Amino acid sequence: MHNLAIVVEDEPSPDLLREMDITPPDTLFGLYQGIPLTERRWDYGNALPDRILLFQGPHEREAADQDDLVASIAETLIHEIGHYFGLSEEEIEEIEEHYWQTYDR
């Protein structure tokens, strides 16, 4: 992976949640911001890094224990990296279903 920043923020902003049409009790655990590799043209370059935002508060509130917290962060990070590589939400969900079904948290 190249030119990608992973940033931890406390919470998703109310504006971001509104923009993504997410209402309580739902929340956002992570977000990819950038141009996926599959959409970059040959002349892409000289750009600020893409970003993966991880939101600490939602992860900590939802985790039952330390192991669950680590697994939740890993799942979110894998999900957002999938978007970096150009995978759709549906493709990522299919991978997650297969992986997380066989992985016993």
Foldseek 3Di string as FASTA:
>chain_A
DPLEEEEEDAADDPVVCVVVVHDPPDGDQKAWADAAPVRDDPPDDPDHGTYIYGHDNVLVVPAPDDVSSVVVVVLSVVLNVCVNNPDDNVRSVVVCVVVVVVDDD
